[in-house]
Amino acid sequence: MSSQNLRDLIRNYLSERPRNTIEISAWLSSQLEGKNCPEDITSILEADNSIVRIGTVRKSGIRLTDLPVSEWASDSWVQHHERKQSNKTKES
């Protein structure tokens, strides 16, 4: 599957809510026959302008690597929630 097709799949998955790299990897593995390692997924996500890294998740013993586990969201999700946050601030 091409990187563009993977990005499209991931964008749809992230439109619901933010997900971390491990969630995305597990979901992709369930959608595809082959496995994708988080390093490859991270590269794909970083190359997409409509996907935003919104933070790093604390490790709770689920991974034994030194790679950070990032949380990702679609650009539209971030914009929508920034708007909600700014409206709450104005109402206060």
N, C-alpha and C. Protein backbone atom coordinates (compact mmCIF):
# COMPACT_ATOMS: atom_id res chain seq x y z
N MET A 1 0.85 -1.17 0.00
CA MET A 1 0.00 0.00 0.00
C MET A 1 0.89 1.24 0.00
N SER A 2 0.51 2.23 -0.76
CA SER A 2 1.33 3.44 -0.88
C SER A 2 1.23 4.29 0.39
N SER A 3 2.22 5.15 0.57
CA SER A 3 2.22 6.07 1.71
C SER A 3 0.99 6.97 1.69
N GLN A 4 0.58 7.39 0.50
CA GLN A 4 -0.61 8.26 0.40
C GLN A 4 -1.86 7.54 0.87
N ASN A 5 -2.01 6.28 0.48
CA ASN A 5 -3.17 5.50 0.93
C ASN A 5 -3.14 5.29 2.44
N LEU A 6 -1.94 5.04 2.98
CA LEU A 6 -1.82 4.90 4.44
C LEU A 6 -2.20 6.20 5.14
N ARG A 7 -1.74 7.32 4.61
CA ARG A 7 -2.09 8.62 5.20
C ARG A 7 -3.60 8.84 5.18
N ASP A 8 -4.23 8.50 4.07
CA ASP A 8 -5.69 8.65 3.97
C ASP A 8 -6.40 7.81 5.03
N LEU A 9 -5.97 6.56 5.18
CA LEU A 9 -6.55 5.69 6.20
C LEU A 9 -6.36 6.28 7.60
N ILE A 10 -5.15 6.72 7.88
CA ILE A 10 -4.84 7.25 9.21
C ILE A 10 -5.61 8.55 9.46
N ARG A 11 -5.70 9.42 8.46
CA ARG A 11 -6.47 10.67 8.61
C ARG A 11 -7.91 10.38 9.01
N ASN A 12 -8.52 9.41 8.35
CA ASN A 12 -9.90 9.03 8.71
C ASN A 12 -9.97 8.52 10.14
N TYR A 13 -9.01 7.72 10.54
CA TYR A 13 -8.96 7.17 11.90
C TYR A 13 -8.79 8.29 12.93
N LEU A 14 -7.97 9.28 12.61
CA LEU A 14 -7.71 10.38 13.54
C LEU A 14 -8.83 11.42 13.56
N SER A 15 -9.74 11.36 12.61
CA SER A 15 -10.81 12.37 12.57
C SER A 15 -11.75 12.23 13.77
N GLU A 16 -11.82 11.03 14.36
CA GLU A 16 -12.68 10.80 15.52
C GLU A 16 -12.11 11.43 16.79
N ARG A 17 -10.83 11.19 17.02
CA ARG A 17 -10.14 11.70 18.22
C ARG A 17 -8.65 11.44 18.06
N PRO A 18 -7.82 12.10 18.86
CA PRO A 18 -6.38 11.85 18.79
C PRO A 18 -6.05 10.41 19.19
N ARG A 19 -4.96 9.91 18.67
CA ARG A 19 -4.49 8.55 18.97
C ARG A 19 -2.98 8.59 19.12
N ASN A 20 -2.44 7.64 19.88
CA ASN A 20 -0.98 7.58 19.97
C ASN A 20 -0.42 6.63 18.92
N THR A 21 0.89 6.67 18.77
CA THR A 21 1.56 5.90 17.73
C THR A 21 1.26 4.41 17.85
N ILE A 22 1.20 3.90 19.07
CA ILE A 22 0.95 2.47 19.28
C ILE A 22 -0.48 2.11 18.87
N GLU A 23 -1.44 2.97 19.22
CA GLU A 23 -2.83 2.73 18.80
C GLU A 23 -2.94 2.72 17.28
N ILE A 24 -2.28 3.67 16.64
CA ILE A 24 -2.32 3.75 15.18
C ILE A 24 -1.69 2.50 14.57
N SER A 25 -0.57 2.08 15.12
CA SER A 25 0.12 0.89 14.62
C SER A 25 -0.76 -0.35 14.76
N ALA A 26 -1.38 -0.52 15.92
CA ALA A 26 -2.24 -1.69 16.15
C ALA A 26 -3.45 -1.66 15.23
N TRP A 27 -4.03 -0.48 15.07
CA TRP A 27 -5.20 -0.34 14.19
C TRP A 27 -4.82 -0.66 12.74
N LEU A 28 -3.68 -0.11 12.29
CA LEU A 28 -3.24 -0.39 10.92
C LEU A 28 -2.99 -1.88 10.70
N SER A 29 -2.39 -2.53 11.70
CA SER A 29 -2.13 -3.97 11.58
C SER A 29 -3.43 -4.75 11.44
N SER A 30 -4.48 -4.28 12.12
CA SER A 30 -5.78 -4.96 12.00
C SER A 30 -6.44 -4.68 10.65
N GLN A 31 -6.10 -3.56 10.03
CA GLN A 31 -6.68 -3.19 8.74
C GLN A 31 -5.91 -3.79 7.56
N LEU A 32 -4.62 -4.01 7.77
CA LEU A 32 -3.74 -4.48 6.70
C LEU A 32 -3.19 -5.85 7.05
N GLU A 33 -2.77 -6.58 6.06
CA GLU A 33 -2.19 -7.90 6.29
C GLU A 33 -0.80 -7.81 6.91
N GLY A 34 0.01 -6.87 6.43
CA GLY A 34 1.37 -6.74 6.93
C GLY A 34 1.44 -5.91 8.19
N LYS A 35 2.59 -5.91 8.81
CA LYS A 35 2.78 -5.10 10.02
C LYS A 35 3.60 -3.87 9.67
N ASN A 36 3.32 -2.78 10.36
CA ASN A 36 4.08 -1.54 10.20
C ASN A 36 4.72 -1.22 11.54
N CYS A 37 6.00 -0.94 11.52
CA CYS A 37 6.64 -0.60 12.79
C CYS A 37 6.39 0.89 13.08
N PRO A 38 6.34 1.28 14.36
CA PRO A 38 6.06 2.67 14.71
C PRO A 38 7.01 3.69 14.09
N GLU A 39 8.27 3.29 13.84
CA GLU A 39 9.20 4.24 13.21
C GLU A 39 8.72 4.62 11.82
N ASP A 40 8.25 3.63 11.06
CA ASP A 40 7.73 3.90 9.72
C ASP A 40 6.46 4.75 9.80
N ILE A 41 5.60 4.44 10.73
CA ILE A 41 4.36 5.20 10.89
C ILE A 41 4.68 6.64 11.26
N THR A 42 5.62 6.83 12.16
CA THR A 42 6.01 8.18 12.56
C THR A 42 6.50 8.98 11.36
N SER A 43 7.29 8.38 10.51
CA SER A 43 7.78 9.07 9.31
C SER A 43 6.63 9.47 8.39
N ILE A 44 5.68 8.57 8.24
CA ILE A 44 4.52 8.87 7.40
C ILE A 44 3.71 10.01 8.00
N LEU A 45 3.48 9.97 9.30
CA LEU A 45 2.69 11.01 9.97
C LEU A 45 3.39 12.36 9.92
N GLU A 46 4.70 12.36 10.14
CA GLU A 46 5.45 13.62 10.12
C GLU A 46 5.45 14.25 8.74
N ALA A 47 5.34 13.45 7.70
CA ALA A 47 5.37 13.97 6.32
C ALA A 47 4.02 14.53 5.87
N ASP A 48 2.98 14.33 6.67
CA ASP A 48 1.63 14.76 6.29
C ASP A 48 1.29 16.07 6.99
N ASN A 49 1.04 17.12 6.20
CA ASN A 49 0.74 18.44 6.77
C ASN A 49 -0.61 18.51 7.46
N SER A 50 -1.49 17.56 7.22
CA SER A 50 -2.81 17.60 7.84
C SER A 50 -2.89 16.74 9.10
N ILE A 51 -1.76 16.20 9.53
CA ILE A 51 -1.68 15.43 10.77
C ILE A 51 -0.69 16.13 11.69
N VAL A 52 -1.10 16.33 12.94
CA VAL A 52 -0.33 17.13 13.88
C VAL A 52 0.08 16.27 15.09
N ARG A 53 1.34 16.38 15.49
CA ARG A 53 1.79 15.75 16.73
C ARG A 53 1.36 16.70 17.85
N ILE A 54 0.51 16.24 18.74
CA ILE A 54 -0.01 17.13 19.79
C ILE A 54 0.60 16.86 21.15
N GLY A 55 1.45 15.86 21.25
CA GLY A 55 2.10 15.61 22.53
C GLY A 55 2.81 14.28 22.54
N THR A 56 3.40 13.99 23.68
CA THR A 56 4.09 12.73 23.90
C THR A 56 3.41 12.04 25.07
N VAL A 57 3.16 10.76 24.92
CA VAL A 57 2.48 9.97 25.93
C VAL A 57 3.52 9.38 26.87
N ARG A 58 3.21 9.40 28.15
CA ARG A 58 4.12 8.77 29.11
C ARG A 58 4.10 7.26 28.90
N LYS A 59 5.26 6.67 29.01
CA LYS A 59 5.35 5.22 28.83
C LYS A 59 4.94 4.55 30.14
N SER A 60 4.17 3.49 30.02
CA SER A 60 3.73 2.76 31.21
C SER A 60 4.13 1.29 31.11
N GLY A 61 5.32 1.05 30.59
CA GLY A 61 5.81 -0.31 30.50
C GLY A 61 5.30 -1.08 29.29
N ILE A 62 4.60 -0.40 28.38
CA ILE A 62 4.07 -1.12 27.23
C ILE A 62 5.08 -1.25 26.10
N ARG A 63 6.13 -0.45 26.13
CA ARG A 63 7.15 -0.49 25.08
C ARG A 63 8.52 -0.55 25.75
N LEU A 64 9.41 -1.26 25.13
CA LEU A 64 10.76 -1.39 25.67
C LEU A 64 11.78 -0.64 24.83
N THR A 65 11.36 0.28 23.99
CA THR A 65 12.29 1.03 23.17
C THR A 65 12.47 2.42 23.72
N ASP A 66 13.46 3.11 23.20
CA ASP A 66 13.70 4.49 23.60
C ASP A 66 12.95 5.49 22.72
N LEU A 67 12.18 4.98 21.77
CA LEU A 67 11.42 5.88 20.90
C LEU A 67 10.27 6.51 21.66
N PRO A 68 10.03 7.79 21.45
CA PRO A 68 8.89 8.42 22.13
C PRO A 68 7.57 7.91 21.54
N VAL A 69 6.57 7.84 22.38
CA VAL A 69 5.23 7.48 21.93
C VAL A 69 4.48 8.79 21.81
N SER A 70 4.23 9.21 20.59
CA SER A 70 3.58 10.50 20.35
C SER A 70 2.08 10.34 20.21
N GLU A 71 1.37 11.43 20.51
CA GLU A 71 -0.06 11.48 20.28
C GLU A 71 -0.30 12.34 19.05
N TRP A 72 -1.19 11.89 18.16
CA TRP A 72 -1.42 12.53 16.88
C TRP A 72 -2.89 12.88 16.73
N ALA A 73 -3.16 13.95 16.01
CA ALA A 73 -4.54 14.35 15.70
C ALA A 73 -4.58 14.92 14.29
N SER A 74 -5.76 14.92 13.73
CA SER A 74 -5.92 15.57 12.42
C SER A 74 -5.91 17.07 12.63
N ASP A 75 -5.47 17.79 11.63
CA ASP A 75 -5.43 19.25 11.69
C ASP A 75 -6.83 19.81 11.96
N SER A 76 -7.84 19.24 11.33
CA SER A 76 -9.21 19.73 11.54
C SER A 76 -9.68 19.50 12.97
N TRP A 77 -9.29 18.38 13.60
CA TRP A 77 -9.64 18.12 14.99
C TRP A 77 -9.00 19.18 15.89
N VAL A 78 -7.73 19.48 15.65
CA VAL A 78 -7.02 20.48 16.45
C VAL A 78 -7.68 21.84 16.30
N GLN A 79 -7.98 22.25 15.08
CA GLN A 79 -8.61 23.55 14.86
C GLN A 79 -9.97 23.62 15.54
N HIS A 80 -10.76 22.58 15.46
CA HIS A 80 -12.08 22.56 16.07
C HIS A 80 -11.98 22.70 17.59
N HIS A 81 -11.05 21.96 18.20
CA HIS A 81 -10.92 22.00 19.65
C HIS A 81 -10.24 23.27 20.14
N GLU A 82 -9.38 23.87 19.35
CA GLU A 82 -8.82 25.18 19.71
C GLU A 82 -9.93 26.22 19.74
N ARG A 83 -10.84 26.14 18.79
CA ARG A 83 -11.96 27.08 18.72
C ARG A 83 -12.85 26.91 19.96
N LYS A 84 -13.15 25.68 20.34
CA LYS A 84 -13.95 25.42 21.54
C LYS A 84 -13.26 25.98 22.77
N GLN A 85 -11.95 25.77 22.87
CA GLN A 85 -11.19 26.24 24.02
C GLN A 85 -11.21 27.75 24.09
N SER A 86 -11.04 28.44 22.97
CA SER A 86 -11.02 29.90 22.98
C SER A 86 -12.41 30.44 23.33
N ASN A 87 -13.48 29.76 22.93
CA ASN A 87 -14.83 30.18 23.30
C ASN A 87 -15.06 30.03 24.79
N LYS A 88 -14.55 28.97 25.41
CA LYS A 88 -14.68 28.78 26.85
C LYS A 88 -13.95 29.88 27.59
N THR A 89 -12.78 30.26 27.09
CA THR A 89 -11.99 31.31 27.72
C THR A 89 -12.73 32.64 27.65
N LYS A 90 -13.37 32.93 26.54
CA LYS A 90 -14.11 34.17 26.38
C LYS A 90 -15.32 34.22 27.30
N GLU A 91 -15.96 33.07 27.55
CA GLU A 91 -17.14 33.02 28.39
C GLU A 91 -16.81 33.19 29.86
N SER A 92 -15.58 32.89 30.25
CA SER A 92 -15.18 32.96 31.66
C SER A 92 -15.06 34.37 32.16
